N, C-alpha and C. Protein backbone atom coordinates (compact mmCIF):
# COMPACT_ATOMS: atom_id res chain seq x y z
N MET A 1 -17.54 64.80 -102.62
CA MET A 1 -18.10 64.63 -103.93
C MET A 1 -19.60 64.46 -103.76
N ARG A 2 -20.31 65.11 -104.62
CA ARG A 2 -21.76 65.10 -104.49
C ARG A 2 -22.37 64.45 -105.71
N PHE A 3 -23.14 63.43 -105.49
CA PHE A 3 -23.84 62.74 -106.57
C PHE A 3 -25.28 63.25 -106.61
N ASN A 4 -25.73 63.54 -107.82
CA ASN A 4 -27.12 63.97 -107.99
C ASN A 4 -28.00 62.76 -108.24
N ARG A 5 -29.03 62.64 -107.45
CA ARG A 5 -29.96 61.52 -107.62
C ARG A 5 -31.33 62.11 -107.96
N ARG A 6 -31.51 62.41 -109.19
CA ARG A 6 -32.79 62.93 -109.63
C ARG A 6 -33.47 61.90 -110.52
N GLY A 7 -34.68 61.86 -110.38
CA GLY A 7 -35.45 60.99 -111.27
C GLY A 7 -35.62 59.58 -110.78
N GLY A 8 -35.30 59.30 -109.56
CA GLY A 8 -35.59 57.97 -109.06
C GLY A 8 -34.36 57.17 -108.74
N ALA A 9 -34.59 55.98 -108.22
CA ALA A 9 -33.51 55.12 -107.75
C ALA A 9 -32.88 54.33 -108.87
N ASP A 10 -33.56 54.15 -110.00
CA ASP A 10 -33.01 53.33 -111.07
C ASP A 10 -32.04 54.10 -111.97
N ARG A 11 -31.93 55.38 -111.81
CA ARG A 11 -31.05 56.20 -112.63
C ARG A 11 -29.63 56.22 -112.04
N LYS A 12 -28.59 56.25 -112.91
CA LYS A 12 -27.20 56.27 -112.45
C LYS A 12 -26.84 57.67 -111.98
N PRO A 13 -25.94 57.77 -110.98
CA PRO A 13 -25.55 59.10 -110.49
C PRO A 13 -24.67 59.83 -111.52
N GLU A 14 -24.78 61.14 -111.57
CA GLU A 14 -23.99 61.95 -112.49
C GLU A 14 -22.75 62.46 -111.76
N LEU A 15 -21.65 62.44 -112.47
CA LEU A 15 -20.38 62.88 -111.89
C LEU A 15 -19.81 63.99 -112.77
N ASN A 16 -19.59 65.16 -112.20
CA ASN A 16 -19.06 66.29 -112.94
C ASN A 16 -17.53 66.23 -112.91
N LEU A 17 -16.89 66.03 -114.07
CA LEU A 17 -15.44 65.87 -114.17
C LEU A 17 -14.74 67.12 -114.69
N ALA A 18 -15.42 68.22 -114.75
CA ALA A 18 -14.83 69.44 -115.31
C ALA A 18 -13.63 69.91 -114.48
N SER A 19 -13.73 69.88 -113.17
CA SER A 19 -12.60 70.34 -112.35
C SER A 19 -11.39 69.41 -112.47
N MET A 20 -11.62 68.11 -112.60
CA MET A 20 -10.50 67.18 -112.77
C MET A 20 -9.83 67.37 -114.12
N ILE A 21 -10.60 67.65 -115.14
CA ILE A 21 -10.04 67.89 -116.47
C ILE A 21 -9.24 69.19 -116.47
N ASP A 22 -9.74 70.23 -115.79
CA ASP A 22 -9.00 71.49 -115.69
C ASP A 22 -7.66 71.29 -114.99
N ALA A 23 -7.67 70.56 -113.89
CA ALA A 23 -6.42 70.33 -113.15
C ALA A 23 -5.43 69.52 -113.99
N THR A 24 -5.92 68.56 -114.73
CA THR A 24 -5.05 67.74 -115.59
C THR A 24 -4.40 68.59 -116.67
N PHE A 25 -5.19 69.45 -117.31
CA PHE A 25 -4.62 70.31 -118.34
C PHE A 25 -3.65 71.33 -117.77
N LEU A 26 -3.89 71.84 -116.57
CA LEU A 26 -2.96 72.77 -115.95
C LEU A 26 -1.62 72.08 -115.63
N LEU A 27 -1.69 70.86 -115.11
CA LEU A 27 -0.45 70.12 -114.85
C LEU A 27 0.30 69.81 -116.14
N LEU A 28 -0.43 69.43 -117.17
CA LEU A 28 0.19 69.15 -118.46
C LEU A 28 0.87 70.40 -119.01
N ALA A 29 0.19 71.53 -118.95
CA ALA A 29 0.78 72.78 -119.43
C ALA A 29 2.01 73.16 -118.60
N PHE A 30 1.95 72.98 -117.29
CA PHE A 30 3.09 73.28 -116.43
C PHE A 30 4.32 72.48 -116.84
N PHE A 31 4.16 71.18 -117.02
CA PHE A 31 5.32 70.34 -117.37
C PHE A 31 5.82 70.64 -118.78
N ILE A 32 4.95 71.00 -119.69
CA ILE A 32 5.40 71.32 -121.05
C ILE A 32 6.22 72.61 -121.04
N PHE A 33 5.75 73.64 -120.32
CA PHE A 33 6.43 74.92 -120.33
C PHE A 33 7.72 74.92 -119.52
N THR A 34 7.78 74.18 -118.44
CA THR A 34 8.97 74.21 -117.60
C THR A 34 10.06 73.25 -118.06
N THR A 35 9.75 72.31 -118.90
CA THR A 35 10.76 71.35 -119.35
C THR A 35 11.81 72.02 -120.23
N GLY A 36 11.43 72.92 -121.07
CA GLY A 36 12.37 73.53 -122.00
C GLY A 36 13.04 74.78 -121.48
N GLN A 37 12.84 75.17 -120.23
CA GLN A 37 13.38 76.42 -119.73
C GLN A 37 14.88 76.36 -119.45
N GLY A 38 15.36 75.29 -118.84
CA GLY A 38 16.77 75.20 -118.44
C GLY A 38 17.68 74.88 -119.60
N GLN A 39 18.96 75.21 -119.41
CA GLN A 39 19.95 74.90 -120.43
C GLN A 39 20.30 73.42 -120.33
N ASN A 40 20.37 72.78 -121.45
CA ASN A 40 20.71 71.35 -121.46
C ASN A 40 22.15 71.16 -121.00
N GLU A 41 22.37 70.14 -120.20
CA GLU A 41 23.72 69.88 -119.71
C GLU A 41 24.65 69.44 -120.84
N SER A 42 24.10 68.92 -121.90
CA SER A 42 24.95 68.50 -123.01
C SER A 42 25.54 69.70 -123.74
N LYS A 43 24.94 70.87 -123.59
CA LYS A 43 25.44 72.07 -124.25
C LYS A 43 26.52 72.77 -123.44
N LEU A 44 26.72 72.36 -122.18
CA LEU A 44 27.73 72.98 -121.35
C LEU A 44 29.11 72.49 -121.76
N SER A 45 30.05 73.39 -121.80
CA SER A 45 31.41 73.00 -122.18
C SER A 45 32.26 72.85 -120.92
N PRO A 46 32.98 71.76 -120.78
CA PRO A 46 33.83 71.59 -119.61
C PRO A 46 35.03 72.53 -119.69
N ASN A 47 35.47 72.98 -118.53
CA ASN A 47 36.56 73.93 -118.47
C ASN A 47 37.87 73.24 -118.09
N LEU A 48 37.97 71.95 -118.34
CA LEU A 48 39.17 71.20 -118.02
C LEU A 48 40.01 70.98 -119.28
N ARG A 49 41.30 71.06 -119.09
CA ARG A 49 42.20 70.81 -120.20
C ARG A 49 42.94 69.50 -119.92
N VAL A 50 43.16 68.74 -120.95
CA VAL A 50 43.93 67.51 -120.80
C VAL A 50 45.31 67.79 -121.38
N GLU A 51 46.31 67.71 -120.52
CA GLU A 51 47.68 67.99 -120.94
C GLU A 51 48.57 66.82 -120.51
N GLN A 52 49.65 66.67 -121.20
CA GLN A 52 50.61 65.64 -120.88
C GLN A 52 51.66 66.23 -119.94
N GLY A 53 52.16 65.42 -119.04
CA GLY A 53 53.25 65.85 -118.18
C GLY A 53 52.76 66.32 -116.83
N SER A 54 53.63 67.04 -116.13
CA SER A 54 53.34 67.44 -114.76
C SER A 54 52.43 68.66 -114.67
N GLU A 55 52.26 69.40 -115.74
CA GLU A 55 51.41 70.58 -115.70
C GLU A 55 49.94 70.21 -115.50
N ALA A 56 49.53 69.06 -116.00
CA ALA A 56 48.13 68.65 -115.85
C ALA A 56 47.80 68.43 -114.37
N LYS A 57 48.74 67.91 -113.61
CA LYS A 57 48.50 67.69 -112.18
C LYS A 57 48.45 69.02 -111.44
N ASP A 58 49.34 69.94 -111.78
CA ASP A 58 49.36 71.24 -111.13
C ASP A 58 48.11 72.05 -111.44
N ASP A 59 47.52 71.83 -112.61
CA ASP A 59 46.36 72.60 -113.02
C ASP A 59 45.13 72.24 -112.19
N LEU A 60 45.08 71.01 -111.68
CA LEU A 60 43.91 70.57 -110.93
C LEU A 60 44.02 70.82 -109.43
N GLU A 61 45.18 71.18 -108.93
CA GLU A 61 45.34 71.44 -107.51
C GLU A 61 44.97 72.89 -107.20
N PRO A 62 43.99 73.09 -106.34
CA PRO A 62 43.60 74.47 -106.04
C PRO A 62 44.57 75.12 -105.07
N GLN A 63 44.67 76.43 -105.16
CA GLN A 63 45.46 77.21 -104.22
C GLN A 63 44.50 77.68 -103.14
N VAL A 64 44.74 77.26 -101.90
CA VAL A 64 43.81 77.52 -100.81
C VAL A 64 44.52 78.31 -99.71
N LEU A 65 43.91 79.41 -99.33
CA LEU A 65 44.35 80.20 -98.18
C LEU A 65 43.32 79.97 -97.08
N GLU A 66 43.78 79.44 -95.96
CA GLU A 66 42.87 79.15 -94.84
C GLU A 66 42.99 80.25 -93.80
N VAL A 67 41.84 80.70 -93.31
CA VAL A 67 41.80 81.69 -92.24
C VAL A 67 41.18 81.00 -91.04
N LEU A 68 41.96 80.85 -89.96
CA LEU A 68 41.47 80.12 -88.80
C LEU A 68 41.97 80.76 -87.52
N ARG A 69 41.38 80.35 -86.43
CA ARG A 69 41.76 80.88 -85.12
C ARG A 69 42.56 79.81 -84.39
N VAL A 70 43.78 80.17 -83.97
CA VAL A 70 44.66 79.27 -83.22
C VAL A 70 45.08 80.01 -81.95
N ASP A 71 44.71 79.49 -80.79
CA ASP A 71 45.06 80.09 -79.50
C ASP A 71 44.67 81.56 -79.43
N SER A 72 43.45 81.87 -79.74
CA SER A 72 42.85 83.21 -79.69
C SER A 72 43.51 84.21 -80.64
N LYS A 73 44.29 83.73 -81.63
CA LYS A 73 44.87 84.59 -82.65
C LYS A 73 44.40 84.12 -84.01
N VAL A 74 44.18 85.06 -84.90
CA VAL A 74 43.80 84.72 -86.27
C VAL A 74 45.07 84.42 -87.05
N VAL A 75 45.06 83.27 -87.73
CA VAL A 75 46.22 82.81 -88.50
C VAL A 75 45.80 82.62 -89.94
N PHE A 76 46.63 83.11 -90.86
CA PHE A 76 46.44 82.89 -92.29
C PHE A 76 47.37 81.75 -92.69
N ARG A 77 46.81 80.62 -93.12
CA ARG A 77 47.62 79.44 -93.45
C ARG A 77 47.60 79.22 -94.95
N LEU A 78 48.79 79.23 -95.52
CA LEU A 78 48.96 78.99 -96.95
C LEU A 78 49.90 77.80 -97.10
N GLY A 79 49.32 76.65 -97.43
CA GLY A 79 50.10 75.42 -97.47
C GLY A 79 50.50 75.02 -96.06
N SER A 80 51.80 74.97 -95.79
CA SER A 80 52.26 74.60 -94.45
C SER A 80 52.79 75.80 -93.67
N SER A 81 52.74 76.99 -94.25
CA SER A 81 53.26 78.16 -93.54
C SER A 81 52.11 79.00 -92.99
N ASP A 82 52.31 79.47 -91.76
CA ASP A 82 51.33 80.30 -91.07
C ASP A 82 51.83 81.73 -91.01
N MET A 83 50.93 82.67 -91.24
CA MET A 83 51.25 84.09 -91.18
C MET A 83 50.23 84.78 -90.29
N GLU A 84 50.67 85.79 -89.57
CA GLU A 84 49.77 86.51 -88.68
C GLU A 84 49.54 87.94 -89.13
N SER A 85 50.41 88.49 -89.95
CA SER A 85 50.25 89.88 -90.37
C SER A 85 49.84 89.94 -91.84
N ARG A 86 49.23 91.05 -92.19
CA ARG A 86 48.75 91.26 -93.55
C ARG A 86 49.93 91.40 -94.52
N GLU A 87 51.00 92.03 -94.10
CA GLU A 87 52.16 92.23 -94.96
C GLU A 87 52.81 90.90 -95.34
N GLN A 88 52.95 89.99 -94.36
CA GLN A 88 53.51 88.66 -94.64
C GLN A 88 52.61 87.90 -95.62
N LEU A 89 51.30 88.06 -95.45
CA LEU A 89 50.35 87.37 -96.31
C LEU A 89 50.45 87.86 -97.75
N VAL A 90 50.49 89.16 -97.95
CA VAL A 90 50.59 89.71 -99.31
C VAL A 90 51.89 89.27 -99.96
N GLN A 91 52.96 89.26 -99.21
CA GLN A 91 54.27 88.85 -99.75
C GLN A 91 54.24 87.38 -100.16
N ALA A 92 53.62 86.52 -99.37
CA ALA A 92 53.54 85.10 -99.71
C ALA A 92 52.62 84.87 -100.90
N LEU A 93 51.54 85.64 -101.00
CA LEU A 93 50.60 85.47 -102.12
C LEU A 93 51.17 85.96 -103.44
N GLU A 94 52.06 86.94 -103.41
CA GLU A 94 52.66 87.44 -104.64
C GLU A 94 53.53 86.41 -105.32
N ALA A 95 54.04 85.43 -104.57
CA ALA A 95 54.90 84.40 -105.14
C ALA A 95 54.11 83.31 -105.87
N LEU A 96 52.79 83.25 -105.68
CA LEU A 96 51.97 82.20 -106.30
C LEU A 96 51.59 82.60 -107.72
N PRO A 97 51.29 81.60 -108.58
CA PRO A 97 50.78 81.93 -109.92
C PRO A 97 49.36 82.50 -109.81
N HIS A 98 49.11 83.59 -110.49
CA HIS A 98 47.85 84.31 -110.35
C HIS A 98 46.75 83.84 -111.29
N GLU A 99 47.09 83.18 -112.37
CA GLU A 99 46.07 82.81 -113.35
C GLU A 99 45.15 81.69 -112.87
N LYS A 100 45.57 80.92 -111.87
CA LYS A 100 44.73 79.83 -111.36
C LYS A 100 43.66 80.32 -110.41
N GLY A 101 43.84 81.46 -109.83
CA GLY A 101 42.90 81.97 -108.84
C GLY A 101 43.25 81.47 -107.45
N LEU A 102 42.46 81.88 -106.47
CA LEU A 102 42.73 81.54 -105.08
C LEU A 102 41.41 81.29 -104.36
N PHE A 103 41.38 80.25 -103.53
CA PHE A 103 40.25 79.97 -102.67
C PHE A 103 40.59 80.44 -101.26
N VAL A 104 39.71 81.19 -100.65
CA VAL A 104 39.89 81.64 -99.27
C VAL A 104 38.88 80.87 -98.42
N ARG A 105 39.39 79.92 -97.62
CA ARG A 105 38.54 79.09 -96.76
C ARG A 105 38.57 79.67 -95.35
N VAL A 106 37.41 80.05 -94.84
CA VAL A 106 37.32 80.69 -93.53
C VAL A 106 36.62 79.72 -92.58
N TYR A 107 37.26 79.44 -91.45
CA TYR A 107 36.73 78.53 -90.45
C TYR A 107 35.88 79.29 -89.43
N GLY A 108 35.13 78.56 -88.64
CA GLY A 108 34.26 79.16 -87.63
C GLY A 108 35.06 79.85 -86.54
N GLY A 109 34.45 80.89 -85.96
CA GLY A 109 35.11 81.63 -84.90
C GLY A 109 35.99 82.75 -85.38
N VAL A 110 36.05 82.96 -86.69
CA VAL A 110 36.88 84.02 -87.27
C VAL A 110 35.98 85.21 -87.58
N GLU A 111 36.45 86.42 -87.22
CA GLU A 111 35.68 87.62 -87.48
C GLU A 111 35.58 87.89 -88.98
N VAL A 112 34.55 88.63 -89.34
CA VAL A 112 34.35 89.00 -90.74
C VAL A 112 35.51 89.88 -91.22
N ALA A 113 36.04 90.70 -90.33
CA ALA A 113 37.15 91.58 -90.70
C ALA A 113 38.38 90.78 -91.12
N SER A 114 38.64 89.66 -90.47
CA SER A 114 39.79 88.83 -90.83
C SER A 114 39.58 88.16 -92.19
N ALA A 115 38.35 87.73 -92.47
CA ALA A 115 38.05 87.15 -93.77
C ALA A 115 38.18 88.21 -94.87
N ALA A 116 37.71 89.41 -94.60
CA ALA A 116 37.84 90.50 -95.57
C ALA A 116 39.29 90.88 -95.78
N THR A 117 40.10 90.82 -94.73
CA THR A 117 41.54 91.09 -94.85
C THR A 117 42.20 90.09 -95.77
N ALA A 118 41.83 88.81 -95.65
CA ALA A 118 42.41 87.78 -96.50
C ALA A 118 42.02 87.99 -97.96
N ILE A 119 40.77 88.33 -98.21
CA ILE A 119 40.32 88.53 -99.58
C ILE A 119 40.98 89.78 -100.18
N GLN A 120 41.05 90.85 -99.40
CA GLN A 120 41.68 92.07 -99.89
C GLN A 120 43.18 91.87 -100.11
N SER A 121 43.83 91.08 -99.27
CA SER A 121 45.25 90.79 -99.46
C SER A 121 45.49 90.04 -100.76
N ALA A 122 44.58 89.12 -101.08
CA ALA A 122 44.69 88.39 -102.35
C ALA A 122 44.53 89.33 -103.53
N ARG A 123 43.60 90.27 -103.41
CA ARG A 123 43.42 91.27 -104.48
C ARG A 123 44.65 92.16 -104.61
N ASP A 124 45.22 92.56 -103.47
CA ASP A 124 46.41 93.41 -103.49
C ASP A 124 47.62 92.68 -104.07
N ALA A 125 47.65 91.35 -103.91
CA ALA A 125 48.77 90.56 -104.44
C ALA A 125 48.64 90.32 -105.94
N GLY A 126 47.50 90.69 -106.54
CA GLY A 126 47.34 90.57 -107.98
C GLY A 126 46.39 89.49 -108.45
N PHE A 127 45.69 88.83 -107.54
CA PHE A 127 44.73 87.80 -107.94
C PHE A 127 43.45 88.45 -108.44
N GLU A 128 42.99 88.04 -109.62
CA GLU A 128 41.72 88.53 -110.14
C GLU A 128 40.58 87.60 -109.76
N ILE A 129 40.88 86.31 -109.59
CA ILE A 129 39.85 85.33 -109.24
C ILE A 129 40.08 84.93 -107.79
N VAL A 130 39.22 85.41 -106.91
CA VAL A 130 39.28 85.08 -105.48
C VAL A 130 37.91 84.54 -105.09
N THR A 131 37.88 83.32 -104.56
CA THR A 131 36.62 82.67 -104.21
C THR A 131 36.56 82.44 -102.71
N TYR A 132 35.51 82.93 -102.08
CA TYR A 132 35.28 82.73 -100.64
C TYR A 132 34.59 81.40 -100.42
N VAL A 133 35.15 80.56 -99.52
CA VAL A 133 34.58 79.26 -99.24
C VAL A 133 34.47 79.11 -97.71
N PRO A 134 33.25 79.05 -97.17
CA PRO A 134 33.14 78.81 -95.72
C PRO A 134 33.46 77.34 -95.41
N ALA A 135 34.25 77.11 -94.39
CA ALA A 135 34.63 75.75 -93.99
C ALA A 135 33.48 75.11 -93.23
N LYS A 136 33.37 73.81 -93.34
CA LYS A 136 32.31 73.07 -92.65
C LYS A 136 32.82 72.46 -91.39
């Protein structure tokens, strides 16, 4: 910051505040314009249904197909049953309700081709909603 000392020692130094005022107005404009851009969370509608009986519990349980490597073989795990072939997988997936969708969880060490096989098998079994989820 540079103070101008003209006219002697008894005069007060002058301070130019134009750049600080510009920065303040730019920040103010930024916050005004960006505040209204996003959709308000209060306008979002929840996709949950409240039902009486056992159907409400079944509606919240996701259907998960796990793709993992066990003893150097790729295994497709659906619940407690393990499948190694694509035909067995499609047959098991056809028995599930299709309107809920399916999550495909792929663990580390599995080839991309095996993950694609699981997703394509779900599509072949009639699932329209298939979600890929990488395992942690």
